[in-house]
């Protein structure tokens, strides 16, 4: 998987490899694996108001703005703000 998706950020490559491993182990069905890989392979451009989640889906929220250094400032659904690199977030 690393050779196919070598142009993606390391965090996304790791998640794609994990999805493939889960499919091979029989824990994830084929459609779910393809859907996850398709989402992870898409570009990561977010604008204010977009719903986002972390790569593992452990936190969800709304994009507030893009910082000067390119990181995304987003508000958690439960309150509070976080900053993340665009490649570490997925559209919800």
PDB file of N, CA and C in Angstrom:
ATOM      1  N   UNK A   1       0.827  -1.187   0.000  1.00  0.00           N
ATOM      2  CA  UNK A   1       0.000   0.000   0.000  1.00  0.00           C
ATOM      3  C   UNK A   1       0.872   1.252   0.000  1.00  0.00           C
ATOM      4  N   UNK A   2       2.040   1.165   0.645  1.00  0.00           N
ATOM      5  CA  UNK A   2       2.927   2.312   0.702  1.00  0.00           C
ATOM      6  C   UNK A   2       3.408   2.751  -0.666  1.00  0.00           C
ATOM      7  N   UNK A   3       3.628   1.793  -1.552  1.00  0.00           N
ATOM      8  CA  UNK A   3       4.093   2.136  -2.900  1.00  0.00           C
ATOM      9  C   UNK A   3       2.997   2.819  -3.710  1.00  0.00           C
ATOM     10  N   UNK A   4       1.780   2.393  -3.512  1.00  0.00           N
ATOM     11  CA  UNK A   4       0.652   2.956  -4.262  1.00  0.00           C
ATOM     12  C   UNK A   4       0.320   4.355  -3.762  1.00  0.00           C
ATOM     13  N   UNK A   5       0.341   4.542  -2.446  1.00  0.00           N
ATOM     14  CA  UNK A   5      -0.064   5.812  -1.845  1.00  0.00           C
ATOM     15  C   UNK A   5       1.118   6.571  -1.250  1.00  0.00           C
ATOM     16  N   UNK A   6       2.306   6.403  -1.822  1.00  0.00           N
ATOM     17  CA  UNK A   6       3.520   7.029  -1.312  1.00  0.00           C
ATOM     18  C   UNK A   6       3.519   8.542  -1.352  1.00  0.00           C
ATOM     19  N   UNK A   7       2.657   9.147  -2.173  1.00  0.00           N
ATOM     20  CA  UNK A   7       2.617  10.605  -2.265  1.00  0.00           C
ATOM     21  C   UNK A   7       1.753  11.238  -1.181  1.00  0.00           C
ATOM     22  N   UNK A   8       1.046  10.427  -0.401  1.00  0.00           N
ATOM     23  CA  UNK A   8       0.194  10.954   0.673  1.00  0.00           C
ATOM     24  C   UNK A   8       1.018  11.179   1.943  1.00  0.00           C
ATOM     25  N   UNK A   9       0.526  12.045   2.830  1.00  0.00           N
ATOM     26  CA  UNK A   9       1.212  12.240   4.117  1.00  0.00           C
ATOM     27  C   UNK A   9       1.290  10.921   4.894  1.00  0.00           C
ATOM     28  N   UNK A  10       2.295  10.800   5.723  1.00  0.00           N
ATOM     29  CA  UNK A  10       2.545   9.571   6.477  1.00  0.00           C
ATOM     30  C   UNK A  10       1.345   9.137   7.308  1.00  0.00           C
ATOM     31  N   UNK A  11       0.665  10.074   7.936  1.00  0.00           N
ATOM     32  CA  UNK A  11      -0.479   9.712   8.776  1.00  0.00           C
ATOM     33  C   UNK A  11      -1.585   9.051   7.954  1.00  0.00           C
ATOM     34  N   UNK A  12      -1.801   9.531   6.739  1.00  0.00           N
ATOM     35  CA  UNK A  12      -2.821   8.927   5.874  1.00  0.00           C
ATOM     36  C   UNK A  12      -2.349   7.580   5.336  1.00  0.00           C
ATOM     37  N   UNK A  13      -1.064   7.451   5.027  1.00  0.00           N
ATOM     38  CA  UNK A  13      -0.539   6.158   4.586  1.00  0.00           C
ATOM     39  C   UNK A  13      -0.733   5.099   5.671  1.00  0.00           C
ATOM     40  N   UNK A  14      -0.497   5.492   6.910  1.00  0.00           N
ATOM     41  CA  UNK A  14      -0.662   4.578   8.040  1.00  0.00           C
ATOM     42  C   UNK A  14      -2.106   4.103   8.160  1.00  0.00           C
ATOM     43  N   UNK A  15      -3.056   5.018   8.017  1.00  0.00           N
ATOM     44  CA  UNK A  15      -4.476   4.663   8.120  1.00  0.00           C
ATOM     45  C   UNK A  15      -4.917   3.766   6.961  1.00  0.00           C
ATOM     46  N   UNK A  16      -4.387   4.020   5.766  1.00  0.00           N
ATOM     47  CA  UNK A  16      -4.712   3.177   4.615  1.00  0.00           C
ATOM     48  C   UNK A  16      -4.169   1.768   4.826  1.00  0.00           C
ATOM     49  N   UNK A  17      -2.932   1.666   5.306  1.00  0.00           N
ATOM     50  CA  UNK A  17      -2.349   0.347   5.585  1.00  0.00           C
ATOM     51  C   UNK A  17      -3.151  -0.375   6.658  1.00  0.00           C
ATOM     52  N   UNK A  18      -3.613   0.358   7.655  1.00  0.00           N
ATOM     53  CA  UNK A  18      -4.428  -0.226   8.718  1.00  0.00           C
ATOM     54  C   UNK A  18      -5.756  -0.749   8.162  1.00  0.00           C
ATOM     55  N   UNK A  19      -6.383   0.024   7.285  1.00  0.00           N
ATOM     56  CA  UNK A  19      -7.646  -0.412   6.676  1.00  0.00           C
ATOM     57  C   UNK A  19      -7.444  -1.690   5.862  1.00  0.00           C
ATOM     58  N   UNK A  20      -6.357  -1.752   5.088  1.00  0.00           N
ATOM     59  CA  UNK A  20      -6.065  -2.946   4.293  1.00  0.00           C
ATOM     60  C   UNK A  20      -5.809  -4.151   5.200  1.00  0.00           C
ATOM     61  N   UNK A  21      -5.069  -3.933   6.283  1.00  0.00           N
ATOM     62  CA  UNK A  21      -4.789  -5.020   7.221  1.00  0.00           C
ATOM     63  C   UNK A  21      -6.068  -5.523   7.885  1.00  0.00           C
ATOM     64  N   UNK A  22      -6.964  -4.605   8.242  1.00  0.00           N
ATOM     65  CA  UNK A  22      -8.232  -5.011   8.841  1.00  0.00           C
ATOM     66  C   UNK A  22      -9.083  -5.808   7.850  1.00  0.00           C
ATOM     67  N   UNK A  23      -9.033  -5.425   6.588  1.00  0.00           N
ATOM     68  CA  UNK A  23      -9.768  -6.178   5.560  1.00  0.00           C
ATOM     69  C   UNK A  23      -9.180  -7.584   5.418  1.00  0.00           C
ATOM     70  N   UNK A  24      -7.859  -7.680   5.344  1.00  0.00           N
ATOM     71  CA  UNK A  24      -7.199  -8.976   5.197  1.00  0.00           C
ATOM     72  C   UNK A  24      -7.493  -9.872   6.405  1.00  0.00           C
ATOM     73  N   UNK A  25      -7.543  -9.277   7.594  1.00  0.00           N
ATOM     74  CA  UNK A  25      -7.827 -10.038   8.815  1.00  0.00           C
ATOM     75  C   UNK A  25      -9.295 -10.430   8.924  1.00  0.00           C
ATOM     76  N   UNK A  26     -10.132  -9.863   8.062  1.00  0.00           N
ATOM     77  CA  UNK A  26     -11.554 -10.203   8.089  1.00  0.00           C
ATOM     78  C   UNK A  26     -12.381  -9.376   9.053  1.00  0.00           C
ATOM     79  N   UNK A  27     -11.789  -8.318   9.587  1.00  0.00           N
ATOM     80  CA  UNK A  27     -12.489  -7.465  10.550  1.00  0.00           C
ATOM     81  C   UNK A  27     -13.305  -6.382   9.850  1.00  0.00           C
ATOM     82  N   UNK A  28     -12.913  -6.026   8.632  1.00  0.00           N
ATOM     83  CA  UNK A  28     -13.573  -4.961   7.882  1.00  0.00           C
ATOM     84  C   UNK A  28     -14.013  -5.523   6.530  1.00  0.00           C
ATOM     85  N   UNK A  29     -15.224  -5.155   6.100  1.00  0.00           N
ATOM     86  CA  UNK A  29     -15.675  -5.645   4.798  1.00  0.00           C
ATOM     87  C   UNK A  29     -15.071  -4.808   3.667  1.00  0.00           C
ATOM     88  N   UNK A  30     -15.151  -5.348   2.462  1.00  0.00           N
ATOM     89  CA  UNK A  30     -14.498  -4.745   1.301  1.00  0.00           C
ATOM     90  C   UNK A  30     -15.007  -3.334   1.014  1.00  0.00           C
ATOM     91  N   UNK A  31     -16.323  -3.124   1.078  1.00  0.00           N
ATOM     92  CA  UNK A  31     -16.904  -1.815   0.774  1.00  0.00           C
ATOM     93  C   UNK A  31     -16.441  -0.759   1.767  1.00  0.00           C
ATOM     94  N   UNK A  32     -16.398  -1.127   3.043  1.00  0.00           N
ATOM     95  CA  UNK A  32     -15.944  -0.178   4.065  1.00  0.00           C
ATOM     96  C   UNK A  32     -14.479   0.180   3.850  1.00  0.00           C
ATOM     97  N   UNK A  33     -13.659  -0.812   3.495  1.00  0.00           N
ATOM     98  CA  UNK A  33     -12.249  -0.551   3.251  1.00  0.00           C
ATOM     99  C   UNK A  33     -12.083   0.404   2.073  1.00  0.00           C
ATOM    100  N   UNK A  34     -12.786   0.135   0.962  1.00  0.00           N
ATOM    101  CA  UNK A  34     -12.677   1.005  -0.206  1.00  0.00           C
ATOM    102  C   UNK A  34     -13.170   2.411   0.096  1.00  0.00           C
ATOM    103  N   UNK A  35     -14.253   2.538   0.856  1.00  0.00           N
ATOM    104  CA  UNK A  35     -14.777   3.857   1.202  1.00  0.00           C
ATOM    105  C   UNK A  35     -13.758   4.641   2.027  1.00  0.00           C
ATOM    106  N   UNK A  36     -13.130   3.972   2.986  1.00  0.00           N
ATOM    107  CA  UNK A  36     -12.131   4.639   3.828  1.00  0.00           C
ATOM    108  C   UNK A  36     -10.909   5.050   3.014  1.00  0.00           C
ATOM    109  N   UNK A  37     -10.427   4.154   2.174  1.00  0.00           N
ATOM    110  CA  UNK A  37      -9.261   4.474   1.350  1.00  0.00           C
ATOM    111  C   UNK A  37      -9.573   5.612   0.397  1.00  0.00           C
ATOM    112  N   UNK A  38     -10.770   5.602  -0.189  1.00  0.00           N
ATOM    113  CA  UNK A  38     -11.161   6.686  -1.096  1.00  0.00           C
ATOM    114  C   UNK A  38     -11.180   8.026  -0.366  1.00  0.00           C
ATOM    115  N   UNK A  39     -11.722   8.049   0.826  1.00  0.00           N
ATOM    116  CA  UNK A  39     -11.772   9.281   1.618  1.00  0.00           C
ATOM    117  C   UNK A  39     -10.364   9.763   1.966  1.00  0.00           C
ATOM    118  N   UNK A  40      -9.502   8.846   2.375  1.00  0.00           N
ATOM    119  CA  UNK A  40      -8.142   9.215   2.774  1.00  0.00           C
ATOM    120  C   UNK A  40      -7.296   9.681   1.593  1.00  0.00           C
ATOM    121  N   UNK A  41      -7.612   9.229   0.390  1.00  0.00           N
ATOM    122  CA  UNK A  41      -6.826   9.595  -0.789  1.00  0.00           C
ATOM    123  C   UNK A  41      -7.236  10.942  -1.380  1.00  0.00           C
ATOM    124  N   UNK A  42      -8.354  11.502  -0.933  1.00  0.00           N
ATOM    125  CA  UNK A  42      -8.819  12.788  -1.457  1.00  0.00           C
ATOM    126  C   UNK A  42      -8.002  13.943  -0.885  1.00  0.00           C
ATOM    127  N   UNK A  43      -8.069  15.085  -1.583  1.00  0.00           N
ATOM    128  CA  UNK A  43      -7.335  16.258  -1.111  1.00  0.00           C
ATOM    129  C   UNK A  43      -7.921  16.756   0.202  1.00  0.00           C
ATOM    130  N   UNK A  44      -7.140  17.549   0.897  1.00  0.00           N
ATOM    131  CA  UNK A  44      -7.519  17.986   2.233  1.00  0.00           C
ATOM    132  C   UNK A  44      -7.625  19.504   2.295  1.00  0.00           C
ATOM    133  N   UNK A  45      -8.569  20.063   1.579  1.00  0.00           N
ATOM    134  CA  UNK A  45      -8.789  21.503   1.621  1.00  0.00           C
ATOM    135  C   UNK A  45     -10.095  21.767   2.359  1.00  0.00           C
ATOM    136  N   UNK A  46      -9.984  22.475   3.473  1.00  0.00           N
ATOM    137  CA  UNK A  46     -11.150  22.772   4.292  1.00  0.00           C
ATOM    138  C   UNK A  46     -11.375  24.272   4.349  1.00  0.00           C
ATOM    139  N   UNK A  47     -12.638  24.662   4.495  1.00  0.00           N
ATOM    140  CA  UNK A  47     -12.990  26.068   4.643  1.00  0.00           C
ATOM    141  C   UNK A  47     -13.884  26.217   5.868  1.00  0.00           C
ATOM    142  N   UNK A  48     -13.997  27.427   6.401  1.00  0.00           N
ATOM    143  CA  UNK A  48     -14.832  27.627   7.586  1.00  0.00           C
ATOM    144  C   UNK A  48     -16.250  27.086   7.372  1.00  0.00           C
ATOM    145  N   UNK A  49     -16.734  26.397   8.399  1.00  0.00           N
ATOM    146  CA  UNK A  49     -18.072  25.814   8.346  1.00  0.00           C
ATOM    147  C   UNK A  49     -18.085  24.353   7.953  1.00  0.00           C
ATOM    148  N   UNK A  50     -16.986  23.838   7.409  1.00  0.00           N
ATOM    149  CA  UNK A  50     -16.919  22.419   7.044  1.00  0.00           C
ATOM    150  C   UNK A  50     -16.911  21.558   8.298  1.00  0.00           C
ATOM    151  N   UNK A  51     -17.649  20.447   8.253  1.00  0.00           N
ATOM    152  CA  UNK A  51     -17.619  19.474   9.341  1.00  0.00           C
ATOM    153  C   UNK A  51     -16.421  18.562   9.127  1.00  0.00           C
ATOM    154  N   UNK A  52     -15.655  18.326  10.196  1.00  0.00           N
ATOM    155  CA  UNK A  52     -14.466  17.484  10.118  1.00  0.00           C
ATOM    156  C   UNK A  52     -14.436  16.497  11.275  1.00  0.00           C
ATOM    157  N   UNK A  53     -13.588  15.481  11.104  1.00  0.00           N
ATOM    158  CA  UNK A  53     -13.319  14.537  12.183  1.00  0.00           C
ATOM    159  C   UNK A  53     -11.861  14.121  12.095  1.00  0.00           C
ATOM    160  N   UNK A  54     -11.329  13.595  13.188  1.00  0.00           N
ATOM    161  CA  UNK A  54      -9.962  13.102  13.177  1.00  0.00           C
ATOM    162  C   UNK A  54      -9.899  11.839  12.327  1.00  0.00           C
ATOM    163  N   UNK A  55      -8.698  11.414  11.966  1.00  0.00           N
ATOM    164  CA  UNK A  55      -8.544  10.237  11.118  1.00  0.00           C
ATOM    165  C   UNK A  55      -9.195   8.999  11.722  1.00  0.00           C
ATOM    166  N   UNK A  56      -9.106   8.836  13.005  1.00  0.00           N
ATOM    167  CA  UNK A  56      -9.704   7.675  13.676  1.00  0.00           C
ATOM    168  C   UNK A  56     -11.158   7.915  14.076  1.00  0.00           C
ATOM    169  N   UNK A  57     -11.653   9.134  13.871  1.00  0.00           N
ATOM    170  CA  UNK A  57     -13.044   9.434  14.198  1.00  0.00           C
ATOM    171  C   UNK A  57     -13.313   9.662  15.664  1.00  0.00           C
ATOM    172  N   UNK A  58     -12.265   9.891  16.458  1.00  0.00           N
ATOM    173  CA  UNK A  58     -12.442  10.053  17.900  1.00  0.00           C
ATOM    174  C   UNK A  58     -12.944  11.435  18.295  1.00  0.00           C
ATOM    175  N   UNK A  59     -12.807  12.426  17.419  1.00  0.00           N
ATOM    176  CA  UNK A  59     -13.289  13.778  17.702  1.00  0.00           C
ATOM    177  C   UNK A  59     -13.894  14.356  16.427  1.00  0.00           C
ATOM    178  N   UNK A  60     -14.964  15.147  16.622  1.00  0.00           N
ATOM    179  CA  UNK A  60     -15.657  15.769  15.497  1.00  0.00           C
ATOM    180  C   UNK A  60     -15.896  17.233  15.813  1.00  0.00           C
ATOM    181  N   UNK A  61     -16.008  18.042  14.759  1.00  0.00           N
ATOM    182  CA  UNK A  61     -16.257  19.453  14.975  1.00  0.00           C
ATOM    183  C   UNK A  61     -16.421  20.212  13.682  1.00  0.00           C
ATOM    184  N   UNK A  62     -16.276  21.542  13.784  1.00  0.00           N
ATOM    185  CA  UNK A  62     -16.489  22.444  12.650  1.00  0.00           C
ATOM    186  C   UNK A  62     -15.250  23.326  12.474  1.00  0.00           C
ATOM    187  N   UNK A  63     -14.825  23.494  11.227  1.00  0.00           N
ATOM    188  CA  UNK A  63     -13.673  24.347  10.922  1.00  0.00           C
ATOM    189  C   UNK A  63     -14.040  25.799  11.201  1.00  0.00           C
ATOM    190  N   UNK A  64     -13.150  26.492  11.905  1.00  0.00           N
ATOM    191  CA  UNK A  64     -13.349  27.911  12.195  1.00  0.00           C
ATOM    192  C   UNK A  64     -12.572  28.759  11.190  1.00  0.00           C
ATOM    193  N   UNK A  65     -11.276  28.407  11.026  1.00  0.00           N
ATOM    194  CA  UNK A  65     -10.437  29.175  10.105  1.00  0.00           C
ATOM    195  C   UNK A  65      -9.175  28.381   9.813  1.00  0.00           C
ATOM    196  N   UNK A  66      -8.413  28.882   8.855  1.00  0.00           N
ATOM    197  CA  UNK A  66      -7.096  28.328   8.545  1.00  0.00           C
ATOM    198  C   UNK A  66      -6.054  29.298   9.084  1.00  0.00           C
ATOM    199  N   UNK A  67      -5.147  28.803   9.888  1.00  0.00           N
ATOM    200  CA  UNK A  67      -4.090  29.642  10.464  1.00  0.00           C
ATOM    201  C   UNK A  67      -3.080  30.028   9.384  1.00  0.00           C
ATOM    202  N   UNK A  68      -2.265  31.010   9.678  1.00  0.00           N
ATOM    203  CA  UNK A  68      -1.275  31.501   8.725  1.00  0.00           C
ATOM    204  C   UNK A  68      -0.289  30.417   8.295  1.00  0.00           C
ATOM    205  N   UNK A  69      -0.014  29.455   9.181  1.00  0.00           N
ATOM    206  CA  UNK A  69       0.936  28.380   8.854  1.00  0.00           C
ATOM    207  C   UNK A  69       0.276  27.200   8.141  1.00  0.00           C
ATOM    208  N   UNK A  70      -1.023  27.316   7.819  1.00  0.00           N
ATOM    209  CA  UNK A  70      -1.724  26.278   7.074  1.00  0.00           C
ATOM    210  C   UNK A  70      -2.493  25.279   7.921  1.00  0.00           C
ATOM    211  N   UNK A  71      -2.286  25.340   9.235  1.00  0.00           N
ATOM    212  CA  UNK A  71      -3.042  24.424  10.098  1.00  0.00           C
ATOM    213  C   UNK A  71      -4.495  24.863  10.184  1.00  0.00           C
ATOM    214  N   UNK A  72      -5.349  23.910  10.487  1.00  0.00           N
ATOM    215  CA  UNK A  72      -6.788  24.142  10.578  1.00  0.00           C
ATOM    216  C   UNK A  72      -7.170  24.349  12.038  1.00  0.00           C
ATOM    217  N   UNK A  73      -7.858  25.436  12.318  1.00  0.00           N
ATOM    218  CA  UNK A  73      -8.403  25.694  13.654  1.00  0.00           C
ATOM    219  C   UNK A  73      -9.857  25.248  13.599  1.00  0.00           C
ATOM    220  N   UNK A  74     -10.214  24.329  14.510  1.00  0.00           N
ATOM    221  CA  UNK A  74     -11.586  23.812  14.487  1.00  0.00           C
ATOM    222  C   UNK A  74     -12.144  23.681  15.891  1.00  0.00           C
ATOM    223  N   UNK A  75     -13.477  23.820  15.986  1.00  0.00           N
ATOM    224  CA  UNK A  75     -14.188  23.774  17.265  1.00  0.00           C
ATOM    225  C   UNK A  75     -14.776  22.381  17.447  1.00  0.00           C
ATOM    226  N   UNK A  76     -14.445  21.761  18.568  1.00  0.00           N
ATOM    227  CA  UNK A  76     -14.993  20.448  18.903  1.00  0.00           C
ATOM    228  C   UNK A  76     -16.488  20.543  19.166  1.00  0.00           C
ATOM    229  N   UNK A  77     -17.217  19.489  18.861  1.00  0.00           N
ATOM    230  CA  UNK A  77     -18.658  19.473  19.119  1.00  0.00           C
ATOM    231  C   UNK A  77     -18.976  19.680  20.598  1.00  0.00           C
ATOM    232  N   UNK A  78     -18.138  19.163  21.491  1.00  0.00           N
ATOM    233  CA  UNK A  78     -18.365  19.312  22.922  1.00  0.00           C
ATOM    234  C   UNK A  78     -17.822  20.600  23.496  1.00  0.00           C
ATOM    235  N   UNK A  79     -17.256  21.466  22.668  1.00  0.00           N
ATOM    236  CA  UNK A  79     -16.657  22.712  23.136  1.00  0.00           C
ATOM    237  C   UNK A  79     -15.143  22.636  23.107  1.00  0.00           C
ATOM    238  N   UNK A  80     -14.509  23.752  22.992  1.00  0.00           N
ATOM    239  CA  UNK A  80     -13.061  23.819  22.917  1.00  0.00           C
ATOM    240  C   UNK A  80     -12.591  23.899  21.481  1.00  0.00           C
ATOM    241  N   UNK A  81     -11.370  24.369  21.304  1.00  0.00           N
ATOM    242  CA  UNK A  81     -10.788  24.506  19.970  1.00  0.00           C
ATOM    243  C   UNK A  81      -9.500  23.710  19.879  1.00  0.00           C
ATOM    244  N   UNK A  82      -9.245  23.191  18.693  1.00  0.00           N
ATOM    245  CA  UNK A  82      -8.022  22.453  18.404  1.00  0.00           C
ATOM    246  C   UNK A  82      -7.410  22.962  17.114  1.00  0.00           C
ATOM    247  N   UNK A  83      -6.117  22.703  16.940  1.00  0.00           N
ATOM    248  CA  UNK A  83      -5.440  22.975  15.673  1.00  0.00           C
ATOM    249  C   UNK A  83      -4.907  21.645  15.159  1.00  0.00           C
ATOM    250  N   UNK A  84      -5.000  21.459  13.848  1.00  0.00           N
ATOM    251  CA  UNK A  84      -4.497  20.222  13.247  1.00  0.00           C
ATOM    252  C   UNK A  84      -4.023  20.508  11.836  1.00  0.00           C
ATOM    253  N   UNK A  85      -3.113  19.681  11.370  1.00  0.00           N
ATOM    254  CA  UNK A  85      -2.725  19.749   9.973  1.00  0.00           C
ATOM    255  C   UNK A  85      -3.883  19.240   9.125  1.00  0.00           C
ATOM    256  N   UNK A  86      -4.074  19.801   7.950  1.00  0.00           N
ATOM    257  CA  UNK A  86      -5.195  19.364   7.107  1.00  0.00           C
ATOM    258  C   UNK A  86      -5.181  17.867   6.815  1.00  0.00           C
ATOM    259  N   UNK A  87      -3.987  17.288   6.667  1.00  0.00           N
ATOM    260  CA  UNK A  87      -3.926  15.857   6.355  1.00  0.00           C
ATOM    261  C   UNK A  87      -4.301  14.964   7.535  1.00  0.00           C
ATOM    262  N   UNK A  88      -4.434  15.547   8.735  1.00  0.00           N
ATOM    263  CA  UNK A  88      -4.833  14.769   9.899  1.00  0.00           C
ATOM    264  C   UNK A  88      -6.333  14.836  10.162  1.00  0.00           C
ATOM    265  N   UNK A  89      -7.089  15.463   9.248  1.00  0.00           N
ATOM    266  CA  UNK A  89      -8.537  15.571   9.383  1.00  0.00           C
ATOM    267  C   UNK A  89      -9.223  14.995   8.148  1.00  0.00           C
ATOM    268  N   UNK A  90     -10.446  14.540   8.363  1.00  0.00           N
ATOM    269  CA  UNK A  90     -11.283  14.043   7.281  1.00  0.00           C
ATOM    270  C   UNK A  90     -12.582  14.830   7.248  1.00  0.00           C
ATOM    271  N   UNK A  91     -13.172  14.989   6.060  1.00  0.00           N
ATOM    272  CA  UNK A  91     -14.504  15.587   6.037  1.00  0.00           C
ATOM    273  C   UNK A  91     -15.489  14.617   6.687  1.00  0.00           C
ATOM    274  N   UNK A  92     -16.467  15.143   7.375  1.00  0.00           N
ATOM    275  CA  UNK A  92     -17.438  14.275   8.040  1.00  0.00           C
ATOM    276  C   UNK A  92     -18.627  14.029   7.145  1.00  0.00           C
TER     277      UNK A  92
END
